[in-house]
Amino acid sequence: MYLTQQLTLIQITAQCLGFI
């Protein structure tokens, strides 16, 4: 579960960086 949460945070961060 912890790994899944980390992956989700990474995906969100990647998306934010992509938009910027």
Protein backbone atom coordinates (compact mmCIF):
# COMPACT_ATOMS: atom_id res chain seq x y z
CA MET A 1 0.00 0.00 0.00
CA TYR A 2 2.84 2.36 0.86
CA LEU A 3 4.48 1.68 -2.49
CA THR A 4 1.21 2.43 -4.28
CA GLN A 5 0.89 5.76 -2.47
CA GLN A 6 4.45 6.69 -3.41
CA LEU A 7 3.84 5.80 -7.05
CA THR A 8 0.68 7.93 -7.02
CA LEU A 9 2.60 10.91 -5.62
CA ILE A 10 5.28 10.44 -8.28
CA GLN A 11 2.63 10.34 -11.02
CA ILE A 12 0.98 13.52 -9.71
CA THR A 13 4.36 15.26 -9.51
CA ALA A 14 5.22 14.16 -13.05
CA GLN A 15 1.88 15.50 -14.30
CA CYS A 16 2.44 18.84 -12.55
CA LEU A 17 5.92 19.11 -14.07
CA GLY A 18 4.44 18.23 -17.46
CA PHE A 19 1.86 21.02 -17.23
CA ILE A 20 4.55 23.49 -16.21
